[in-house]
């Protein structure tokens, strides 16, 4: 059952609240177990230290599994029955996900959202899942509205493919003004030559 109906998950949570929790004796480290289990496929195992503080919780909802520890936080996974009955949790094999699976997290958070009882163990797991869901939603909203982008680079004009004409440069020859001055000198020289010839003829 990869995607169980939400109504079935909520019914399992409500049934979990109606069962009587079984408390085990303290272990070698002083921790004791508090076990909630119902026939609808929900199970909550809590470990409490000598001062009554929760150290670890494991929640099973149908085939989804959730584990919380005071030092490592929340993890998700799936439960595979090891060939035994569902009523025998010792036969179940838990496959922990490498990271939180959003779909599993959302299913459990929504299932526990409607729980309004006063069982401290169920309420603690409800708060853990609600906080994890809120963090996931904030992360997704941040990705949608503020995507990580590289800093905008200044826009550079595209290189022109048109061949540029070289800038006009002065001719290496004598400038135009100098040429006009040379012609004027030639005219004056020619006029002087003509005047000299006329004067010479008049004298002779």
N, C-alpha and C. Protein backbone atom coordinates (compact mmCIF):
# COMPACT_ATOMS: atom_id res chain seq x y z
N UNK A 1 0.86 -1.19 0.00
CA UNK A 1 0.00 0.00 0.00
C UNK A 1 0.89 1.23 0.00
N UNK A 2 1.17 1.75 -1.18
CA UNK A 2 2.10 2.86 -1.29
C UNK A 2 1.48 4.19 -0.88
N UNK A 3 0.16 4.35 -1.10
CA UNK A 3 -0.49 5.62 -0.78
C UNK A 3 -1.83 5.32 -0.12
N UNK A 4 -1.84 5.01 1.17
CA UNK A 4 -3.09 4.65 1.85
C UNK A 4 -4.03 5.84 1.93
N UNK A 5 -5.34 5.61 1.96
CA UNK A 5 -6.31 6.71 2.06
C UNK A 5 -6.13 7.48 3.36
N UNK A 6 -6.27 8.80 3.34
CA UNK A 6 -6.14 9.59 4.57
C UNK A 6 -7.13 9.17 5.65
N UNK A 7 -8.34 8.77 5.24
CA UNK A 7 -9.34 8.37 6.23
C UNK A 7 -8.89 7.14 7.01
N UNK A 8 -8.21 6.22 6.32
CA UNK A 8 -7.73 5.01 6.99
C UNK A 8 -6.63 5.33 7.99
N UNK A 9 -5.75 6.28 7.62
CA UNK A 9 -4.69 6.68 8.53
C UNK A 9 -5.25 7.39 9.76
N UNK A 10 -6.23 8.27 9.55
CA UNK A 10 -6.83 8.97 10.69
C UNK A 10 -7.56 7.99 11.60
N UNK A 11 -8.22 7.00 11.02
CA UNK A 11 -8.91 6.00 11.83
C UNK A 11 -7.92 5.20 12.66
N UNK A 12 -6.75 4.91 12.09
CA UNK A 12 -5.72 4.18 12.84
C UNK A 12 -5.21 5.00 14.02
N UNK A 13 -5.05 6.30 13.82
CA UNK A 13 -4.59 7.17 14.91
C UNK A 13 -5.62 7.22 16.03
N UNK A 14 -6.90 7.36 15.66
CA UNK A 14 -7.94 7.41 16.68
C UNK A 14 -8.05 6.08 17.44
N UNK A 15 -7.86 4.99 16.73
CA UNK A 15 -7.89 3.68 17.39
C UNK A 15 -6.70 3.53 18.32
N UNK A 16 -5.56 4.11 17.94
CA UNK A 16 -4.37 4.04 18.79
C UNK A 16 -4.61 4.74 20.12
N UNK A 17 -5.39 5.81 20.09
CA UNK A 17 -5.69 6.56 21.32
C UNK A 17 -6.61 5.77 22.24
N UNK A 18 -7.46 4.95 21.66
CA UNK A 18 -8.44 4.23 22.48
C UNK A 18 -7.86 3.02 23.20
N UNK A 19 -6.70 2.53 22.75
CA UNK A 19 -6.13 1.35 23.40
C UNK A 19 -5.40 1.77 24.67
N UNK A 20 -5.24 0.84 25.56
CA UNK A 20 -4.54 1.11 26.81
C UNK A 20 -3.04 0.90 26.60
N UNK A 21 -2.24 1.90 26.97
CA UNK A 21 -0.80 1.78 26.81
C UNK A 21 -0.24 0.78 27.80
N UNK A 22 0.74 0.02 27.34
CA UNK A 22 1.41 -0.97 28.17
C UNK A 22 2.78 -0.44 28.54
N UNK A 23 3.06 -0.37 29.82
CA UNK A 23 4.35 0.12 30.28
C UNK A 23 5.22 -1.05 30.73
N UNK A 24 6.46 -1.05 30.23
CA UNK A 24 7.38 -2.10 30.60
C UNK A 24 8.23 -1.71 31.79
N UNK A 25 8.93 -2.64 32.38
CA UNK A 25 9.80 -2.33 33.53
C UNK A 25 11.05 -1.62 33.07
N UNK A 26 11.72 -0.89 33.95
CA UNK A 26 12.97 -0.20 33.57
C UNK A 26 14.02 -1.21 33.14
N UNK A 27 14.81 -0.81 32.11
CA UNK A 27 15.88 -1.65 31.63
C UNK A 27 17.16 -1.39 32.41
N UNK A 28 18.26 -1.93 31.87
CA UNK A 28 19.56 -1.76 32.54
C UNK A 28 19.97 -0.29 32.64
N UNK A 29 19.59 0.50 31.62
CA UNK A 29 19.95 1.92 31.64
C UNK A 29 18.90 2.78 32.34
N UNK A 30 17.90 2.15 32.91
CA UNK A 30 16.87 2.90 33.62
C UNK A 30 15.72 3.34 32.74
N UNK A 31 15.83 3.13 31.43
CA UNK A 31 14.74 3.54 30.53
C UNK A 31 13.63 2.50 30.55
N UNK A 32 12.41 2.99 30.44
CA UNK A 32 11.27 2.07 30.35
C UNK A 32 10.51 2.36 29.06
N UNK A 33 9.81 1.36 28.58
CA UNK A 33 9.07 1.48 27.33
C UNK A 33 7.58 1.66 27.61
N UNK A 34 6.94 2.47 26.77
CA UNK A 34 5.49 2.67 26.81
C UNK A 34 4.98 2.34 25.41
N UNK A 35 4.13 1.34 25.33
CA UNK A 35 3.76 0.81 24.02
C UNK A 35 2.27 0.96 23.78
N UNK A 36 1.92 1.69 22.68
CA UNK A 36 0.54 1.78 22.21
C UNK A 36 0.45 0.95 20.93
N UNK A 37 -0.59 0.11 20.82
CA UNK A 37 -0.77 -0.67 19.60
C UNK A 37 -2.24 -0.99 19.40
N UNK A 38 -2.69 -0.82 18.13
CA UNK A 38 -4.07 -1.15 17.81
C UNK A 38 -4.12 -2.08 16.61
N UNK A 39 -5.28 -2.68 16.39
CA UNK A 39 -5.43 -3.65 15.30
C UNK A 39 -5.57 -2.99 13.94
N UNK A 40 -5.74 -1.66 13.90
CA UNK A 40 -5.92 -0.96 12.62
C UNK A 40 -4.59 -0.64 11.94
N UNK A 41 -3.48 -1.10 12.48
CA UNK A 41 -2.19 -0.91 11.82
C UNK A 41 -1.38 0.24 12.34
N UNK A 42 -1.68 0.74 13.54
CA UNK A 42 -0.92 1.83 14.14
C UNK A 42 -0.23 1.33 15.40
N UNK A 43 1.00 1.80 15.61
CA UNK A 43 1.78 1.41 16.79
C UNK A 43 2.70 2.55 17.17
N UNK A 44 2.80 2.83 18.46
CA UNK A 44 3.68 3.87 18.96
C UNK A 44 4.46 3.30 20.14
N UNK A 45 5.78 3.27 19.98
CA UNK A 45 6.65 2.80 21.04
C UNK A 45 7.48 3.97 21.54
N UNK A 46 7.42 4.24 22.84
CA UNK A 46 8.13 5.37 23.43
C UNK A 46 9.08 4.86 24.50
N UNK A 47 10.28 5.45 24.54
CA UNK A 47 11.27 5.15 25.57
C UNK A 47 11.44 6.37 26.46
N UNK A 48 11.31 6.16 27.77
CA UNK A 48 11.33 7.26 28.73
C UNK A 48 12.45 6.99 29.74
N UNK A 49 13.20 8.05 30.08
CA UNK A 49 14.28 7.87 31.05
C UNK A 49 13.73 7.87 32.49
N UNK A 50 14.63 7.78 33.46
CA UNK A 50 14.21 7.68 34.87
C UNK A 50 13.49 8.91 35.36
N UNK A 51 13.72 10.05 34.67
CA UNK A 51 13.07 11.30 35.08
C UNK A 51 11.80 11.58 34.29
N UNK A 52 11.39 10.61 33.48
CA UNK A 52 10.14 10.76 32.74
C UNK A 52 10.26 11.51 31.43
N UNK A 53 11.48 11.78 30.99
CA UNK A 53 11.67 12.51 29.74
C UNK A 53 11.76 11.53 28.57
N UNK A 54 11.11 11.90 27.47
CA UNK A 54 11.13 11.06 26.28
C UNK A 54 12.51 11.08 25.64
N UNK A 55 13.02 9.90 25.33
CA UNK A 55 14.32 9.78 24.67
C UNK A 55 14.18 9.30 23.23
N UNK A 56 13.17 8.50 22.95
CA UNK A 56 12.99 7.95 21.60
C UNK A 56 11.52 7.56 21.41
N UNK A 57 11.05 7.74 20.18
CA UNK A 57 9.72 7.28 19.81
C UNK A 57 9.76 6.66 18.42
N UNK A 58 8.99 5.61 18.24
CA UNK A 58 8.84 4.99 16.94
C UNK A 58 7.35 4.83 16.66
N UNK A 59 6.92 5.41 15.54
CA UNK A 59 5.52 5.35 15.14
C UNK A 59 5.40 4.57 13.85
N UNK A 60 4.46 3.64 13.83
CA UNK A 60 4.15 2.89 12.61
C UNK A 60 2.70 3.15 12.24
N UNK A 61 2.49 3.63 11.01
CA UNK A 61 1.15 3.82 10.47
C UNK A 61 1.04 3.00 9.20
N UNK A 62 0.37 1.86 9.32
CA UNK A 62 0.26 0.91 8.21
C UNK A 62 1.66 0.51 7.76
N UNK A 63 2.12 0.96 6.60
CA UNK A 63 3.45 0.57 6.13
C UNK A 63 4.48 1.68 6.26
N UNK A 64 4.09 2.82 6.82
CA UNK A 64 5.03 3.92 7.02
C UNK A 64 5.59 3.86 8.44
N UNK A 65 6.86 4.24 8.56
CA UNK A 65 7.53 4.19 9.86
C UNK A 65 8.23 5.51 10.12
N UNK A 66 8.17 5.97 11.38
CA UNK A 66 8.77 7.24 11.78
C UNK A 66 9.51 7.02 13.09
N UNK A 67 10.73 7.50 13.16
CA UNK A 67 11.54 7.37 14.37
C UNK A 67 12.06 8.74 14.78
N UNK A 68 11.93 9.04 16.08
CA UNK A 68 12.44 10.30 16.62
C UNK A 68 13.32 10.00 17.82
N UNK A 69 14.47 10.66 17.89
CA UNK A 69 15.33 10.57 19.07
C UNK A 69 15.68 11.99 19.50
N UNK A 70 15.95 12.14 20.78
CA UNK A 70 16.23 13.47 21.32
C UNK A 70 17.52 14.05 20.75
N UNK A 71 18.43 13.20 20.28
CA UNK A 71 19.69 13.72 19.77
C UNK A 71 19.77 13.83 18.26
N UNK A 72 19.00 13.00 17.53
CA UNK A 72 19.12 12.97 16.06
C UNK A 72 17.90 13.49 15.34
N UNK A 73 16.80 13.70 16.01
CA UNK A 73 15.60 14.22 15.36
C UNK A 73 14.78 13.13 14.70
N UNK A 74 14.12 13.48 13.60
CA UNK A 74 13.13 12.62 12.95
C UNK A 74 13.70 11.96 11.71
N UNK A 75 13.28 10.71 11.48
CA UNK A 75 13.61 10.00 10.25
C UNK A 75 12.37 9.23 9.81
N UNK A 76 12.30 8.93 8.51
CA UNK A 76 11.18 8.18 7.96
C UNK A 76 11.67 6.85 7.40
N UNK A 77 10.73 5.97 7.14
CA UNK A 77 11.07 4.67 6.57
C UNK A 77 9.81 3.90 6.24
N UNK A 78 9.98 2.64 5.88
CA UNK A 78 8.83 1.78 5.60
C UNK A 78 9.01 0.46 6.33
N UNK A 79 7.88 -0.16 6.60
CA UNK A 79 7.87 -1.41 7.35
C UNK A 79 7.56 -2.55 6.40
N UNK A 80 8.37 -3.57 6.47
CA UNK A 80 8.15 -4.79 5.69
C UNK A 80 7.93 -5.94 6.65
N UNK A 81 6.80 -6.61 6.49
CA UNK A 81 6.52 -7.74 7.37
C UNK A 81 7.43 -8.90 7.01
N UNK A 82 8.09 -9.45 8.01
CA UNK A 82 9.06 -10.52 7.78
C UNK A 82 8.45 -11.89 7.73
N UNK A 83 7.25 -12.01 7.21
CA UNK A 83 6.63 -13.31 7.05
C UNK A 83 5.72 -13.68 8.21
N UNK A 84 5.71 -12.86 9.27
CA UNK A 84 4.86 -13.16 10.40
C UNK A 84 3.57 -12.38 10.33
N UNK A 85 2.85 -12.40 11.41
CA UNK A 85 1.59 -11.67 11.49
C UNK A 85 1.84 -10.22 11.83
N UNK A 86 0.92 -9.35 11.41
CA UNK A 86 1.04 -7.94 11.77
C UNK A 86 0.91 -7.72 13.27
N UNK A 87 0.29 -8.66 13.94
CA UNK A 87 0.15 -8.53 15.38
C UNK A 87 1.46 -8.83 16.10
N UNK A 88 2.44 -9.32 15.36
CA UNK A 88 3.73 -9.63 15.97
C UNK A 88 4.76 -8.64 15.44
N UNK A 89 5.03 -7.53 16.14
CA UNK A 89 5.96 -6.52 15.64
C UNK A 89 7.38 -7.02 15.52
N UNK A 90 7.71 -8.09 16.22
CA UNK A 90 9.08 -8.60 16.14
C UNK A 90 9.40 -9.14 14.76
N UNK A 91 8.35 -9.48 13.98
CA UNK A 91 8.59 -10.01 12.64
C UNK A 91 8.75 -8.92 11.60
N UNK A 92 8.54 -7.66 11.98
CA UNK A 92 8.61 -6.56 11.02
C UNK A 92 10.05 -6.11 10.82
N UNK A 93 10.36 -5.74 9.58
CA UNK A 93 11.68 -5.22 9.23
C UNK A 93 11.49 -3.77 8.80
N UNK A 94 12.25 -2.87 9.40
CA UNK A 94 12.13 -1.44 9.09
C UNK A 94 13.26 -1.04 8.15
N UNK A 95 12.89 -0.42 7.03
CA UNK A 95 13.86 0.11 6.07
C UNK A 95 13.85 1.63 6.21
N UNK A 96 14.91 2.18 6.78
CA UNK A 96 14.98 3.62 7.02
C UNK A 96 15.37 4.35 5.73
N UNK A 97 14.68 5.44 5.45
CA UNK A 97 15.00 6.25 4.27
C UNK A 97 16.32 6.99 4.49
N UNK A 98 17.04 7.22 3.40
CA UNK A 98 18.31 7.95 3.51
C UNK A 98 18.08 9.40 3.92
N UNK A 99 16.90 9.94 3.62
CA UNK A 99 16.51 11.28 4.05
C UNK A 99 14.99 11.31 4.19
N UNK A 100 14.48 12.35 4.82
CA UNK A 100 13.03 12.45 5.01
C UNK A 100 12.30 12.39 3.68
N UNK A 101 11.29 11.54 3.62
CA UNK A 101 10.46 11.45 2.41
C UNK A 101 9.23 12.33 2.62
N UNK A 102 9.08 13.40 1.85
CA UNK A 102 7.98 14.35 2.09
C UNK A 102 6.61 13.71 2.08
N UNK A 103 6.35 12.76 1.19
CA UNK A 103 5.02 12.15 1.11
C UNK A 103 4.70 11.38 2.39
N UNK A 104 5.67 10.65 2.93
CA UNK A 104 5.43 9.94 4.19
C UNK A 104 5.17 10.93 5.33
N UNK A 105 5.99 11.96 5.37
CA UNK A 105 5.87 12.95 6.43
C UNK A 105 4.50 13.63 6.40
N UNK A 106 4.05 14.00 5.21
CA UNK A 106 2.76 14.67 5.09
C UNK A 106 1.62 13.75 5.50
N UNK A 107 1.70 12.46 5.14
CA UNK A 107 0.62 11.52 5.49
C UNK A 107 0.45 11.42 7.00
N UNK A 108 1.55 11.25 7.71
CA UNK A 108 1.46 11.11 9.17
C UNK A 108 1.04 12.41 9.84
N UNK A 109 1.57 13.54 9.36
CA UNK A 109 1.22 14.84 9.97
C UNK A 109 -0.26 15.12 9.81
N UNK A 110 -0.81 14.82 8.64
CA UNK A 110 -2.24 15.05 8.42
C UNK A 110 -3.09 14.08 9.23
N UNK A 111 -2.61 12.85 9.38
CA UNK A 111 -3.38 11.87 10.16
C UNK A 111 -3.45 12.26 11.63
N UNK A 112 -2.35 12.79 12.17
CA UNK A 112 -2.31 13.17 13.59
C UNK A 112 -2.87 14.57 13.84
N UNK A 113 -3.08 15.32 12.76
CA UNK A 113 -3.54 16.70 12.91
C UNK A 113 -4.89 16.77 13.60
N UNK A 114 -5.76 15.79 13.34
CA UNK A 114 -7.11 15.84 13.91
C UNK A 114 -7.19 15.22 15.31
N UNK A 115 -6.06 14.72 15.80
CA UNK A 115 -6.08 14.12 17.14
C UNK A 115 -6.22 15.22 18.19
N UNK A 116 -7.20 15.08 19.08
CA UNK A 116 -7.48 16.09 20.11
C UNK A 116 -7.48 15.47 21.50
N UNK A 117 -6.87 14.30 21.64
CA UNK A 117 -6.81 13.67 22.95
C UNK A 117 -5.75 14.29 23.83
N UNK A 118 -5.51 13.68 24.98
CA UNK A 118 -4.56 14.24 25.95
C UNK A 118 -3.43 13.28 26.27
N UNK A 119 -3.27 12.24 25.45
CA UNK A 119 -2.17 11.30 25.69
C UNK A 119 -0.85 12.00 25.38
N UNK A 120 0.03 12.12 26.37
CA UNK A 120 1.26 12.90 26.20
C UNK A 120 2.19 12.29 25.16
N UNK A 121 2.16 10.99 25.00
CA UNK A 121 3.06 10.34 24.05
C UNK A 121 2.60 10.59 22.61
N UNK A 122 1.29 10.47 22.39
CA UNK A 122 0.76 10.75 21.05
C UNK A 122 0.88 12.23 20.73
N UNK A 123 0.64 13.09 21.73
CA UNK A 123 0.76 14.53 21.51
C UNK A 123 2.20 14.92 21.17
N UNK A 124 3.17 14.26 21.78
CA UNK A 124 4.56 14.58 21.47
C UNK A 124 4.90 14.24 20.02
N UNK A 125 4.48 13.05 19.58
CA UNK A 125 4.74 12.69 18.19
C UNK A 125 3.97 13.59 17.22
N UNK A 126 2.78 14.02 17.63
CA UNK A 126 2.01 14.95 16.80
C UNK A 126 2.78 16.26 16.62
N UNK A 127 3.37 16.78 17.69
CA UNK A 127 4.13 18.04 17.60
C UNK A 127 5.39 17.85 16.75
N UNK A 128 6.06 16.72 16.92
CA UNK A 128 7.27 16.46 16.13
C UNK A 128 6.95 16.47 14.64
N UNK A 129 5.89 15.77 14.26
CA UNK A 129 5.53 15.69 12.84
C UNK A 129 5.02 17.04 12.32
N UNK A 130 4.30 17.79 13.15
CA UNK A 130 3.81 19.10 12.73
C UNK A 130 4.97 20.06 12.48
N UNK A 131 5.97 20.05 13.34
CA UNK A 131 7.13 20.92 13.15
C UNK A 131 7.92 20.52 11.90
N UNK A 132 8.06 19.22 11.68
CA UNK A 132 8.77 18.76 10.48
C UNK A 132 8.01 19.14 9.22
N UNK A 133 6.70 19.04 9.27
CA UNK A 133 5.88 19.44 8.12
C UNK A 133 6.00 20.93 7.85
N UNK A 134 5.97 21.73 8.93
CA UNK A 134 6.10 23.19 8.77
C UNK A 134 7.45 23.54 8.15
N UNK A 135 8.50 22.88 8.61
CA UNK A 135 9.82 23.13 8.03
C UNK A 135 9.89 22.76 6.58
N UNK A 136 9.25 21.65 6.20
CA UNK A 136 9.22 21.22 4.80
C UNK A 136 8.47 22.23 3.94
N UNK A 137 7.33 22.72 4.43
CA UNK A 137 6.55 23.69 3.66
C UNK A 137 7.30 25.00 3.50
N UNK A 138 7.99 25.44 4.54
CA UNK A 138 8.79 26.67 4.44
C UNK A 138 9.91 26.51 3.44
N UNK A 139 10.53 25.33 3.43
CA UNK A 139 11.62 25.08 2.49
C UNK A 139 11.11 25.08 1.06
N UNK A 140 9.95 24.45 0.82
CA UNK A 140 9.40 24.42 -0.52
C UNK A 140 8.98 25.82 -0.97
N UNK A 141 8.40 26.61 -0.05
CA UNK A 141 8.01 27.98 -0.40
C UNK A 141 9.23 28.81 -0.73
N UNK A 142 10.32 28.62 -0.02
CA UNK A 142 11.54 29.37 -0.29
C UNK A 142 12.10 29.01 -1.66
N UNK A 143 12.02 27.75 -2.04
CA UNK A 143 12.53 27.33 -3.35
C UNK A 143 11.70 27.92 -4.47
N UNK A 144 10.37 28.00 -4.27
CA UNK A 144 9.48 28.50 -5.33
C UNK A 144 9.62 30.00 -5.50
N UNK A 145 9.65 30.75 -4.36
CA UNK A 145 9.63 32.21 -4.45
C UNK A 145 11.01 32.83 -4.53
N UNK A 146 12.01 32.13 -4.05
CA UNK A 146 13.37 32.67 -4.07
C UNK A 146 14.33 31.63 -4.60
N UNK A 147 14.23 31.31 -5.90
CA UNK A 147 15.14 30.30 -6.43
C UNK A 147 16.58 30.78 -6.38
N UNK A 148 17.46 29.85 -6.14
CA UNK A 148 18.90 30.19 -6.12
C UNK A 148 19.35 30.51 -7.53
N UNK A 149 19.86 31.68 -7.69
CA UNK A 149 20.32 32.12 -8.99
C UNK A 149 21.72 32.68 -8.87
N UNK A 150 22.44 32.56 -9.95
CA UNK A 150 23.75 33.18 -10.00
C UNK A 150 23.57 34.69 -10.12
N UNK A 151 24.52 35.47 -9.60
CA UNK A 151 24.41 36.93 -9.75
C UNK A 151 24.34 37.31 -11.21
N UNK A 152 23.45 38.26 -11.49
CA UNK A 152 23.28 38.68 -12.88
C UNK A 152 24.55 39.33 -13.39
N UNK A 153 24.95 38.88 -14.55
CA UNK A 153 26.15 39.44 -15.15
C UNK A 153 25.77 40.64 -16.00
N UNK A 154 26.62 41.65 -16.05
CA UNK A 154 26.30 42.81 -16.89
C UNK A 154 26.14 42.40 -18.34
N UNK A 155 25.12 43.00 -18.95
CA UNK A 155 24.84 42.66 -20.36
C UNK A 155 25.87 43.33 -21.23
N UNK A 156 26.51 42.54 -22.03
CA UNK A 156 27.51 43.07 -22.97
C UNK A 156 26.91 43.09 -24.37
N UNK A 157 27.12 44.18 -25.12
CA UNK A 157 26.57 44.21 -26.48
C UNK A 157 27.21 43.12 -27.33
N UNK A 158 26.37 42.56 -28.17
CA UNK A 158 26.87 41.49 -29.04
C UNK A 158 27.87 42.07 -30.03
N UNK A 159 28.93 41.33 -30.28
CA UNK A 159 29.93 41.84 -31.23
C UNK A 159 29.35 41.98 -32.62
N UNK A 160 29.62 43.11 -33.26
CA UNK A 160 29.09 43.37 -34.59
C UNK A 160 29.84 42.55 -35.63
N UNK A 161 29.05 41.97 -36.57
CA UNK A 161 29.66 41.17 -37.64
C UNK A 161 30.04 42.02 -38.85
N UNK A 162 29.58 43.30 -38.83
CA UNK A 162 29.90 44.18 -39.95
C UNK A 162 31.33 44.66 -39.86
N UNK A 163 32.04 44.59 -40.97
CA UNK A 163 33.44 44.99 -41.00
C UNK A 163 33.54 46.49 -40.84
N UNK A 164 34.33 46.93 -39.89
CA UNK A 164 34.49 48.35 -39.64
C UNK A 164 35.44 48.96 -40.66
N UNK A 165 35.04 50.16 -41.16
CA UNK A 165 35.90 50.88 -42.07
C UNK A 165 36.98 51.58 -41.28
N UNK A 166 38.21 51.57 -41.79
CA UNK A 166 39.27 52.27 -41.05
C UNK A 166 39.02 53.76 -41.02
N UNK A 167 39.41 54.38 -39.96
CA UNK A 167 39.21 55.83 -39.83
C UNK A 167 40.02 56.56 -40.89
N UNK A 168 39.43 57.66 -41.39
CA UNK A 168 40.11 58.44 -42.44
C UNK A 168 41.39 59.05 -41.91
N UNK A 169 42.44 58.93 -42.68
CA UNK A 169 43.73 59.50 -42.29
C UNK A 169 44.21 60.43 -43.39
N UNK A 170 45.02 61.39 -43.03
CA UNK A 170 45.54 62.34 -44.02
C UNK A 170 46.49 61.63 -44.97
N UNK A 171 46.45 62.04 -46.26
CA UNK A 171 47.34 61.44 -47.25
C UNK A 171 48.77 61.79 -46.91
N UNK A 172 49.66 60.84 -47.15
CA UNK A 172 51.05 61.12 -46.81
C UNK A 172 51.69 62.17 -47.69
N UNK A 173 51.03 62.57 -48.80
CA UNK A 173 51.58 63.59 -49.69
C UNK A 173 51.43 64.97 -49.09
N UNK A 174 51.80 65.98 -49.88
CA UNK A 174 51.71 67.36 -49.42
C UNK A 174 50.26 67.71 -49.22
N UNK A 175 49.88 68.36 -48.16
CA UNK A 175 48.49 68.75 -47.92
C UNK A 175 47.95 69.59 -49.05
N UNK A 176 46.63 69.66 -49.16
CA UNK A 176 45.97 70.39 -50.25
C UNK A 176 46.35 71.86 -50.23
N UNK A 177 46.40 72.45 -49.05
CA UNK A 177 46.76 73.88 -48.96
C UNK A 177 48.15 74.11 -49.52
N UNK A 178 49.06 73.18 -49.28
CA UNK A 178 50.43 73.35 -49.80
C UNK A 178 50.46 73.28 -51.32
N UNK A 179 49.61 72.47 -51.91
CA UNK A 179 49.56 72.37 -53.38
C UNK A 179 49.09 73.68 -53.99
N UNK A 180 48.07 74.29 -53.37
CA UNK A 180 47.60 75.59 -53.88
C UNK A 180 48.69 76.66 -53.78
N UNK A 181 49.43 76.64 -52.72
CA UNK A 181 50.51 77.63 -52.57
C UNK A 181 51.58 77.43 -53.65
N UNK A 182 51.89 76.19 -54.00
CA UNK A 182 52.87 75.92 -55.05
C UNK A 182 52.41 76.42 -56.40
N UNK A 183 51.10 76.25 -56.69
CA UNK A 183 50.56 76.74 -57.96
C UNK A 183 50.62 78.27 -58.02
N UNK A 184 50.35 78.91 -56.89
CA UNK A 184 50.40 80.39 -56.89
C UNK A 184 51.82 80.88 -57.17
N UNK A 185 52.80 80.18 -56.60
CA UNK A 185 54.19 80.56 -56.84
C UNK A 185 54.55 80.42 -58.32
N UNK A 186 54.04 79.32 -58.93
CA UNK A 186 54.31 79.12 -60.36
C UNK A 186 53.68 80.22 -61.22
N UNK A 187 52.46 80.62 -60.84
CA UNK A 187 51.78 81.69 -61.61
C UNK A 187 52.56 83.00 -61.50
N UNK A 188 52.97 83.32 -60.28
CA UNK A 188 53.74 84.56 -60.09
C UNK A 188 55.05 84.51 -60.86
N UNK A 189 55.70 83.32 -60.83
CA UNK A 189 56.96 83.18 -61.56
C UNK A 189 56.76 83.34 -63.07
N UNK A 190 55.65 82.75 -63.55
CA UNK A 190 55.38 82.86 -65.00
C UNK A 190 55.09 84.32 -65.38
N UNK A 191 54.34 85.01 -64.51
CA UNK A 191 54.02 86.42 -64.81
C UNK A 191 55.29 87.28 -64.80
N UNK A 192 56.18 86.97 -63.87
CA UNK A 192 57.44 87.74 -63.81
C UNK A 192 58.31 87.47 -65.03
N UNK A 193 58.27 86.21 -65.49
CA UNK A 193 59.06 85.86 -66.67
C UNK A 193 58.53 86.60 -67.91
N UNK A 194 57.20 86.62 -68.01
CA UNK A 194 56.60 87.33 -69.17
C UNK A 194 56.94 88.83 -69.11
N UNK A 195 56.86 89.39 -67.91
CA UNK A 195 57.17 90.83 -67.77
C UNK A 195 58.63 91.12 -68.11
N UNK A 196 59.51 90.20 -67.76
CA UNK A 196 60.94 90.39 -68.06
C UNK A 196 61.17 90.33 -69.55
N UNK A 197 60.48 89.41 -70.22
CA UNK A 197 60.64 89.31 -71.69
C UNK A 197 60.12 90.58 -72.37
N UNK A 198 58.98 91.07 -71.92
CA UNK A 198 58.40 92.31 -72.52
C UNK A 198 59.35 93.48 -72.30
N UNK A 199 59.90 93.57 -71.11
CA UNK A 199 60.82 94.67 -70.82
C UNK A 199 62.09 94.58 -71.67
N UNK A 200 62.57 93.35 -71.88
CA UNK A 200 63.77 93.15 -72.68
C UNK A 200 63.49 93.54 -74.13
N UNK A 201 62.34 93.19 -74.65
CA UNK A 201 62.00 93.54 -76.05
C UNK A 201 61.87 95.07 -76.18
N UNK A 202 61.33 95.73 -75.22
CA UNK A 202 61.13 97.17 -75.29
C UNK A 202 62.47 97.90 -75.28
N UNK A 203 63.42 97.36 -74.48
CA UNK A 203 64.72 97.99 -74.43
C UNK A 203 65.49 97.80 -75.75
N UNK A 204 65.29 96.69 -76.40
CA UNK A 204 66.01 96.45 -77.65
C UNK A 204 65.31 97.25 -78.77
